[in-house]
């Protein structure tokens, strides 16, 4: 901890020694924060989309099964 404090002091001394126009601009990174209700809403929408996708796949499988049964019936007649 002491070493970090010494480094910080040395950095600040060098920083203050530079002329104002040569000092680098400090950029702060903003952390993206979402409101909990927005996050919950996005999660709910994702769940609805995944459920609808699952249901549509199940319906497609049932349709293909009926088609297969009709083709098997037609094959047995031939």
PDB file of N, CA and C in Angstrom:
ATOM      1  N   UNK A   1       0.810  -1.194   0.000  1.00  0.00           N
ATOM      2  CA  UNK A   1       0.000   0.000   0.000  1.00  0.00           C
ATOM      3  C   UNK A   1       0.852   1.255   0.000  1.00  0.00           C
ATOM      4  N   UNK A   2       1.951   1.201   0.764  1.00  0.00           N
ATOM      5  CA  UNK A   2       2.832   2.365   0.855  1.00  0.00           C
ATOM      6  C   UNK A   2       3.482   2.629  -0.491  1.00  0.00           C
ATOM      7  N   UNK A   3       3.880   1.565  -1.179  1.00  0.00           N
ATOM      8  CA  UNK A   3       4.514   1.719  -2.493  1.00  0.00           C
ATOM      9  C   UNK A   3       3.545   2.357  -3.489  1.00  0.00           C
ATOM     10  N   UNK A   4       2.302   1.949  -3.438  1.00  0.00           N
ATOM     11  CA  UNK A   4       1.301   2.529  -4.338  1.00  0.00           C
ATOM     12  C   UNK A   4       1.098   4.009  -4.032  1.00  0.00           C
ATOM     13  N   UNK A   5       1.105   4.375  -2.765  1.00  0.00           N
ATOM     14  CA  UNK A   5       0.945   5.781  -2.394  1.00  0.00           C
ATOM     15  C   UNK A   5       2.141   6.592  -2.881  1.00  0.00           C
ATOM     16  N   UNK A   6       3.347   6.042  -2.756  1.00  0.00           N
ATOM     17  CA  UNK A   6       4.545   6.743  -3.227  1.00  0.00           C
ATOM     18  C   UNK A   6       4.504   6.926  -4.736  1.00  0.00           C
ATOM     19  N   UNK A   7       4.074   5.888  -5.446  1.00  0.00           N
ATOM     20  CA  UNK A   7       3.962   6.015  -6.900  1.00  0.00           C
ATOM     21  C   UNK A   7       2.959   7.095  -7.284  1.00  0.00           C
ATOM     22  N   UNK A   8       1.844   7.125  -6.554  1.00  0.00           N
ATOM     23  CA  UNK A   8       0.815   8.122  -6.840  1.00  0.00           C
ATOM     24  C   UNK A   8       1.359   9.525  -6.611  1.00  0.00           C
ATOM     25  N   UNK A   9       2.117   9.724  -5.524  1.00  0.00           N
ATOM     26  CA  UNK A   9       2.695  11.038  -5.234  1.00  0.00           C
ATOM     27  C   UNK A   9       3.687  11.429  -6.326  1.00  0.00           C
ATOM     28  N   UNK A  10       4.524  10.498  -6.750  1.00  0.00           N
ATOM     29  CA  UNK A  10       5.496  10.786  -7.801  1.00  0.00           C
ATOM     30  C   UNK A  10       4.781  11.135  -9.106  1.00  0.00           C
ATOM     31  N   UNK A  11       3.738  10.429  -9.396  1.00  0.00           N
ATOM     32  CA  UNK A  11       2.966  10.691 -10.615  1.00  0.00           C
ATOM     33  C   UNK A  11       2.353  12.082 -10.563  1.00  0.00           C
ATOM     34  N   UNK A  12       1.796  12.436  -9.417  1.00  0.00           N
ATOM     35  CA  UNK A  12       1.173  13.756  -9.287  1.00  0.00           C
ATOM     36  C   UNK A  12       2.203  14.872  -9.401  1.00  0.00           C
ATOM     37  N   UNK A  13       3.423  14.648  -8.883  1.00  0.00           N
ATOM     38  CA  UNK A  13       4.473  15.661  -8.996  1.00  0.00           C
ATOM     39  C   UNK A  13       4.853  15.873 -10.455  1.00  0.00           C
ATOM     40  N   UNK A  14       5.024  14.802 -11.190  1.00  0.00           N
ATOM     41  CA  UNK A  14       5.360  14.912 -12.608  1.00  0.00           C
ATOM     42  C   UNK A  14       4.225  15.572 -13.362  1.00  0.00           C
ATOM     43  N   UNK A  15       3.023  15.222 -13.008  1.00  0.00           N
ATOM     44  CA  UNK A  15       1.833  15.777 -13.658  1.00  0.00           C
ATOM     45  C   UNK A  15       1.767  17.288 -13.481  1.00  0.00           C
ATOM     46  N   UNK A  16       2.007  17.737 -12.249  1.00  0.00           N
ATOM     47  CA  UNK A  16       1.929  19.171 -11.959  1.00  0.00           C
ATOM     48  C   UNK A  16       3.096  19.924 -12.570  1.00  0.00           C
ATOM     49  N   UNK A  17       4.220  19.252 -12.798  1.00  0.00           N
ATOM     50  CA  UNK A  17       5.386  19.899 -13.375  1.00  0.00           C
ATOM     51  C   UNK A  17       5.199  20.196 -14.864  1.00  0.00           C
ATOM     52  N   UNK A  18       4.353  19.449 -15.528  1.00  0.00           N
ATOM     53  CA  UNK A  18       4.106  19.682 -16.950  1.00  0.00           C
ATOM     54  C   UNK A  18       3.302  20.962 -17.142  1.00  0.00           C
ATOM     55  N   UNK A  19       3.591  21.686 -18.223  1.00  0.00           N
ATOM     56  CA  UNK A  19       2.731  22.835 -18.532  1.00  0.00           C
ATOM     57  C   UNK A  19       1.318  22.354 -18.840  1.00  0.00           C
ATOM     58  N   UNK A  20       0.366  23.195 -18.632  1.00  0.00           N
ATOM     59  CA  UNK A  20      -1.048  22.832 -18.761  1.00  0.00           C
ATOM     60  C   UNK A  20      -1.371  22.274 -20.148  1.00  0.00           C
ATOM     61  N   UNK A  21      -0.829  22.850 -21.199  1.00  0.00           N
ATOM     62  CA  UNK A  21      -1.161  22.398 -22.550  1.00  0.00           C
ATOM     63  C   UNK A  21      -0.505  21.063 -22.890  1.00  0.00           C
ATOM     64  N   UNK A  22       0.495  20.626 -22.130  1.00  0.00           N
ATOM     65  CA  UNK A  22       1.147  19.347 -22.398  1.00  0.00           C
ATOM     66  C   UNK A  22       0.619  18.211 -21.537  1.00  0.00           C
ATOM     67  N   UNK A  23      -0.202  18.548 -20.580  1.00  0.00           N
ATOM     68  CA  UNK A  23      -0.717  17.495 -19.703  1.00  0.00           C
ATOM     69  C   UNK A  23      -1.699  16.627 -20.467  1.00  0.00           C
ATOM     70  N   UNK A  24      -1.537  15.319 -20.360  1.00  0.00           N
ATOM     71  CA  UNK A  24      -2.491  14.435 -21.044  1.00  0.00           C
ATOM     72  C   UNK A  24      -3.876  14.565 -20.420  1.00  0.00           C
ATOM     73  N   UNK A  25      -4.853  14.366 -21.240  1.00  0.00           N
ATOM     74  CA  UNK A  25      -6.233  14.460 -20.778  1.00  0.00           C
ATOM     75  C   UNK A  25      -6.617  13.138 -20.124  1.00  0.00           C
ATOM     76  N   UNK A  26      -7.104  13.231 -18.930  1.00  0.00           N
ATOM     77  CA  UNK A  26      -7.539  12.018 -18.233  1.00  0.00           C
ATOM     78  C   UNK A  26      -8.911  11.613 -18.763  1.00  0.00           C
ATOM     79  N   UNK A  27      -8.994  10.382 -19.143  1.00  0.00           N
ATOM     80  CA  UNK A  27     -10.279   9.873 -19.628  1.00  0.00           C
ATOM     81  C   UNK A  27     -10.803   8.876 -18.613  1.00  0.00           C
ATOM     82  N   UNK A  28     -12.020   9.073 -18.216  1.00  0.00           N
ATOM     83  CA  UNK A  28     -12.647   8.134 -17.300  1.00  0.00           C
ATOM     84  C   UNK A  28     -13.533   7.205 -18.102  1.00  0.00           C
ATOM     85  N   UNK A  29     -13.408   5.953 -17.800  1.00  0.00           N
ATOM     86  CA  UNK A  29     -14.263   4.974 -18.463  1.00  0.00           C
ATOM     87  C   UNK A  29     -15.545   4.860 -17.665  1.00  0.00           C
ATOM     88  N   UNK A  30     -16.645   5.100 -18.335  1.00  0.00           N
ATOM     89  CA  UNK A  30     -17.940   4.959 -17.669  1.00  0.00           C
ATOM     90  C   UNK A  30     -18.392   3.525 -17.764  1.00  0.00           C
ATOM     91  N   UNK A  31     -18.810   3.009 -16.681  1.00  0.00           N
ATOM     92  CA  UNK A  31     -19.305   1.644 -16.649  1.00  0.00           C
ATOM     93  C   UNK A  31     -20.778   1.658 -17.014  1.00  0.00           C
ATOM     94  N   UNK A  32     -21.145   0.797 -17.936  1.00  0.00           N
ATOM     95  CA  UNK A  32     -22.531   0.714 -18.371  1.00  0.00           C
ATOM     96  C   UNK A  32     -23.349   0.050 -17.277  1.00  0.00           C
ATOM     97  N   UNK A  33     -24.324   0.758 -16.781  1.00  0.00           N
ATOM     98  CA  UNK A  33     -25.183   0.206 -15.742  1.00  0.00           C
ATOM     99  C   UNK A  33     -26.628   0.275 -16.230  1.00  0.00           C
ATOM    100  N   UNK A  34     -27.312  -0.828 -16.101  1.00  0.00           N
ATOM    101  CA  UNK A  34     -28.711  -0.888 -16.504  1.00  0.00           C
ATOM    102  C   UNK A  34     -29.599  -0.868 -15.274  1.00  0.00           C
ATOM    103  N   UNK A  35     -30.699  -0.203 -15.416  1.00  0.00           N
ATOM    104  CA  UNK A  35     -31.681  -0.191 -14.331  1.00  0.00           C
ATOM    105  C   UNK A  35     -32.216  -1.612 -14.168  1.00  0.00           C
ATOM    106  N   UNK A  36     -32.448  -2.064 -12.949  1.00  0.00           N
ATOM    107  CA  UNK A  36     -32.915  -3.448 -12.747  1.00  0.00           C
ATOM    108  C   UNK A  36     -34.211  -3.779 -13.496  1.00  0.00           C
ATOM    109  N   UNK A  37     -35.114  -2.814 -13.620  1.00  0.00           N
ATOM    110  CA  UNK A  37     -36.365  -3.084 -14.342  1.00  0.00           C
ATOM    111  C   UNK A  37     -36.107  -3.292 -15.835  1.00  0.00           C
ATOM    112  N   UNK A  38     -35.154  -2.559 -16.396  1.00  0.00           N
ATOM    113  CA  UNK A  38     -34.813  -2.746 -17.807  1.00  0.00           C
ATOM    114  C   UNK A  38     -34.197  -4.122 -17.990  1.00  0.00           C
ATOM    115  N   UNK A  39     -33.311  -4.483 -17.089  1.00  0.00           N
ATOM    116  CA  UNK A  39     -32.680  -5.797 -17.158  1.00  0.00           C
ATOM    117  C   UNK A  39     -33.722  -6.910 -17.021  1.00  0.00           C
ATOM    118  N   UNK A  40     -34.654  -6.746 -16.104  1.00  0.00           N
ATOM    119  CA  UNK A  40     -35.716  -7.733 -15.910  1.00  0.00           C
ATOM    120  C   UNK A  40     -36.615  -7.811 -17.144  1.00  0.00           C
ATOM    121  N   UNK A  41     -36.903  -6.663 -17.749  1.00  0.00           N
ATOM    122  CA  UNK A  41     -37.734  -6.646 -18.959  1.00  0.00           C
ATOM    123  C   UNK A  41     -37.036  -7.358 -20.109  1.00  0.00           C
ATOM    124  N   UNK A  42     -35.749  -7.104 -20.271  1.00  0.00           N
ATOM    125  CA  UNK A  42     -35.001  -7.783 -21.329  1.00  0.00           C
ATOM    126  C   UNK A  42     -34.969  -9.290 -21.104  1.00  0.00           C
ATOM    127  N   UNK A  43     -34.819  -9.692 -19.864  1.00  0.00           N
ATOM    128  CA  UNK A  43     -34.827 -11.111 -19.537  1.00  0.00           C
ATOM    129  C   UNK A  43     -36.186 -11.734 -19.843  1.00  0.00           C
ATOM    130  N   UNK A  44     -37.271 -11.020 -19.522  1.00  0.00           N
ATOM    131  CA  UNK A  44     -38.615 -11.524 -19.804  1.00  0.00           C
ATOM    132  C   UNK A  44     -38.838 -11.660 -21.316  1.00  0.00           C
ATOM    133  N   UNK A  45     -38.402 -10.673 -22.082  1.00  0.00           N
ATOM    134  CA  UNK A  45     -38.551 -10.732 -23.539  1.00  0.00           C
ATOM    135  C   UNK A  45     -37.760 -11.907 -24.094  1.00  0.00           C
ATOM    136  N   UNK A  46     -36.558 -12.117 -23.586  1.00  0.00           N
ATOM    137  CA  UNK A  46     -35.746 -13.245 -24.026  1.00  0.00           C
ATOM    138  C   UNK A  46     -36.445 -14.566 -23.732  1.00  0.00           C
ATOM    139  N   UNK A  47     -37.036 -14.688 -22.567  1.00  0.00           N
ATOM    140  CA  UNK A  47     -37.747 -15.913 -22.210  1.00  0.00           C
ATOM    141  C   UNK A  47     -38.946 -16.143 -23.135  1.00  0.00           C
ATOM    142  N   UNK A  48     -39.690 -15.088 -23.452  1.00  0.00           N
ATOM    143  CA  UNK A  48     -40.849 -15.217 -24.343  1.00  0.00           C
ATOM    144  C   UNK A  48     -40.405 -15.642 -25.735  1.00  0.00           C
ATOM    145  N   UNK A  49     -39.325 -15.054 -26.229  1.00  0.00           N
ATOM    146  CA  UNK A  49     -38.827 -15.390 -27.563  1.00  0.00           C
ATOM    147  C   UNK A  49     -38.366 -16.850 -27.606  1.00  0.00           C
ATOM    148  N   UNK A  50     -37.629 -17.268 -26.582  1.00  0.00           N
ATOM    149  CA  UNK A  50     -37.165 -18.659 -26.556  1.00  0.00           C
ATOM    150  C   UNK A  50     -38.325 -19.643 -26.426  1.00  0.00           C
ATOM    151  N   UNK A  51     -39.338 -19.287 -25.658  1.00  0.00           N
ATOM    152  CA  UNK A  51     -40.517 -20.147 -25.524  1.00  0.00           C
ATOM    153  C   UNK A  51     -41.260 -20.250 -26.860  1.00  0.00           C
ATOM    154  N   UNK A  52     -41.441 -19.108 -27.532  1.00  0.00           N
ATOM    155  CA  UNK A  52     -42.119 -19.124 -28.835  1.00  0.00           C
ATOM    156  C   UNK A  52     -41.328 -19.943 -29.844  1.00  0.00           C
ATOM    157  N   UNK A  53     -40.017 -19.837 -29.804  1.00  0.00           N
ATOM    158  CA  UNK A  53     -39.180 -20.619 -30.712  1.00  0.00           C
ATOM    159  C   UNK A  53     -39.325 -22.114 -30.431  1.00  0.00           C
ATOM    160  N   UNK A  54     -39.355 -22.485 -29.168  1.00  0.00           N
ATOM    161  CA  UNK A  54     -39.525 -23.893 -28.802  1.00  0.00           C
ATOM    162  C   UNK A  54     -40.874 -24.438 -29.229  1.00  0.00           C
ATOM    163  N   UNK A  55     -41.916 -23.634 -29.037  1.00  0.00           N
ATOM    164  CA  UNK A  55     -43.262 -24.065 -29.425  1.00  0.00           C
ATOM    165  C   UNK A  55     -43.351 -24.221 -30.946  1.00  0.00           C
ATOM    166  N   UNK A  56     -42.753 -23.268 -31.680  1.00  0.00           N
ATOM    167  CA  UNK A  56     -42.819 -23.370 -33.147  1.00  0.00           C
ATOM    168  C   UNK A  56     -42.060 -24.610 -33.638  1.00  0.00           C
ATOM    169  N   UNK A  57     -40.969 -24.954 -32.995  1.00  0.00           N
ATOM    170  CA  UNK A  57     -40.234 -26.167 -33.375  1.00  0.00           C
ATOM    171  C   UNK A  57     -41.058 -27.420 -33.086  1.00  0.00           C
ATOM    172  N   UNK A  58     -41.756 -27.423 -31.975  1.00  0.00           N
ATOM    173  CA  UNK A  58     -42.603 -28.566 -31.628  1.00  0.00           C
ATOM    174  C   UNK A  58     -43.750 -28.711 -32.632  1.00  0.00           C
ATOM    175  N   UNK A  59     -44.355 -27.595 -33.024  1.00  0.00           N
ATOM    176  CA  UNK A  59     -45.434 -27.635 -34.015  1.00  0.00           C
ATOM    177  C   UNK A  59     -44.911 -28.167 -35.348  1.00  0.00           C
ATOM    178  N   UNK A  60     -43.715 -27.721 -35.748  1.00  0.00           N
ATOM    179  CA  UNK A  60     -43.121 -28.192 -36.999  1.00  0.00           C
ATOM    180  C   UNK A  60     -42.868 -29.696 -36.943  1.00  0.00           C
ATOM    181  N   UNK A  61     -42.410 -30.200 -35.792  1.00  0.00           N
ATOM    182  CA  UNK A  61     -42.169 -31.634 -35.644  1.00  0.00           C
ATOM    183  C   UNK A  61     -43.471 -32.420 -35.751  1.00  0.00           C
ATOM    184  N   UNK A  62     -44.552 -31.908 -35.166  1.00  0.00           N
ATOM    185  CA  UNK A  62     -45.853 -32.586 -35.240  1.00  0.00           C
ATOM    186  C   UNK A  62     -46.356 -32.604 -36.684  1.00  0.00           C
ATOM    187  N   UNK A  63     -46.206 -31.481 -37.401  1.00  0.00           N
ATOM    188  CA  UNK A  63     -46.631 -31.440 -38.806  1.00  0.00           C
ATOM    189  C   UNK A  63     -45.849 -32.456 -39.647  1.00  0.00           C
ATOM    190  N   UNK A  64     -44.559 -32.549 -39.413  1.00  0.00           N
ATOM    191  CA  UNK A  64     -43.749 -33.513 -40.161  1.00  0.00           C
ATOM    192  C   UNK A  64     -44.131 -34.951 -39.822  1.00  0.00           C
ATOM    193  N   UNK A  65     -44.513 -35.177 -38.566  1.00  0.00           N
ATOM    194  CA  UNK A  65     -44.948 -36.521 -38.174  1.00  0.00           C
ATOM    195  C   UNK A  65     -46.241 -36.904 -38.890  1.00  0.00           C
ATOM    196  N   UNK A  66     -47.191 -35.956 -38.977  1.00  0.00           N
ATOM    197  CA  UNK A  66     -48.436 -36.234 -39.712  1.00  0.00           C
ATOM    198  C   UNK A  66     -48.150 -36.484 -41.191  1.00  0.00           C
ATOM    199  N   UNK A  67     -47.238 -35.714 -41.755  1.00  0.00           N
ATOM    200  CA  UNK A  67     -46.882 -35.889 -43.160  1.00  0.00           C
ATOM    201  C   UNK A  67     -46.249 -37.265 -43.376  1.00  0.00           C
ATOM    202  N   UNK A  68     -45.385 -37.676 -42.461  1.00  0.00           N
ATOM    203  CA  UNK A  68     -44.760 -38.989 -42.554  1.00  0.00           C
ATOM    204  C   UNK A  68     -45.805 -40.103 -42.475  1.00  0.00           C
ATOM    205  N   UNK A  69     -46.772 -39.963 -41.572  1.00  0.00           N
ATOM    206  CA  UNK A  69     -47.825 -40.975 -41.447  1.00  0.00           C
ATOM    207  C   UNK A  69     -48.651 -41.066 -42.723  1.00  0.00           C
ATOM    208  N   UNK A  70     -48.966 -39.921 -43.316  1.00  0.00           N
ATOM    209  CA  UNK A  70     -49.753 -39.960 -44.552  1.00  0.00           C
ATOM    210  C   UNK A  70     -48.947 -40.577 -45.695  1.00  0.00           C
ATOM    211  N   UNK A  71     -47.662 -40.287 -45.749  1.00  0.00           N
ATOM    212  CA  UNK A  71     -46.836 -40.901 -46.795  1.00  0.00           C
ATOM    213  C   UNK A  71     -46.682 -42.396 -46.578  1.00  0.00           C
ATOM    214  N   UNK A  72     -46.574 -42.831 -45.334  1.00  0.00           N
ATOM    215  CA  UNK A  72     -46.502 -44.282 -45.054  1.00  0.00           C
ATOM    216  C   UNK A  72     -47.812 -44.968 -45.435  1.00  0.00           C
ATOM    217  N   UNK A  73     -48.936 -44.316 -45.179  1.00  0.00           N
ATOM    218  CA  UNK A  73     -50.228 -44.873 -45.554  1.00  0.00           C
ATOM    219  C   UNK A  73     -50.348 -44.978 -47.071  1.00  0.00           C
ATOM    220  N   UNK A  74     -49.891 -43.948 -47.768  1.00  0.00           N
ATOM    221  CA  UNK A  74     -49.926 -43.958 -49.231  1.00  0.00           C
ATOM    222  C   UNK A  74     -49.002 -45.038 -49.785  1.00  0.00           C
ATOM    223  N   UNK A  75     -47.855 -45.245 -49.159  1.00  0.00           N
ATOM    224  CA  UNK A  75     -46.920 -46.271 -49.602  1.00  0.00           C
ATOM    225  C   UNK A  75     -47.498 -47.652 -49.413  1.00  0.00           C
ATOM    226  N   UNK A  76     -48.195 -47.860 -48.304  1.00  0.00           N
ATOM    227  CA  UNK A  76     -48.795 -49.195 -48.067  1.00  0.00           C
ATOM    228  C   UNK A  76     -49.918 -49.466 -49.064  1.00  0.00           C
ATOM    229  N   UNK A  77     -50.615 -48.442 -49.537  1.00  0.00           N
ATOM    230  CA  UNK A  77     -51.679 -48.627 -50.526  1.00  0.00           C
ATOM    231  C   UNK A  77     -51.077 -48.999 -51.885  1.00  0.00           C
ATOM    232  N   UNK A  78     -49.927 -48.421 -52.176  1.00  0.00           N
ATOM    233  CA  UNK A  78     -49.295 -48.699 -53.482  1.00  0.00           C
ATOM    234  C   UNK A  78     -48.710 -50.082 -53.425  1.00  0.00           C
TER     235      UNK A  78
END
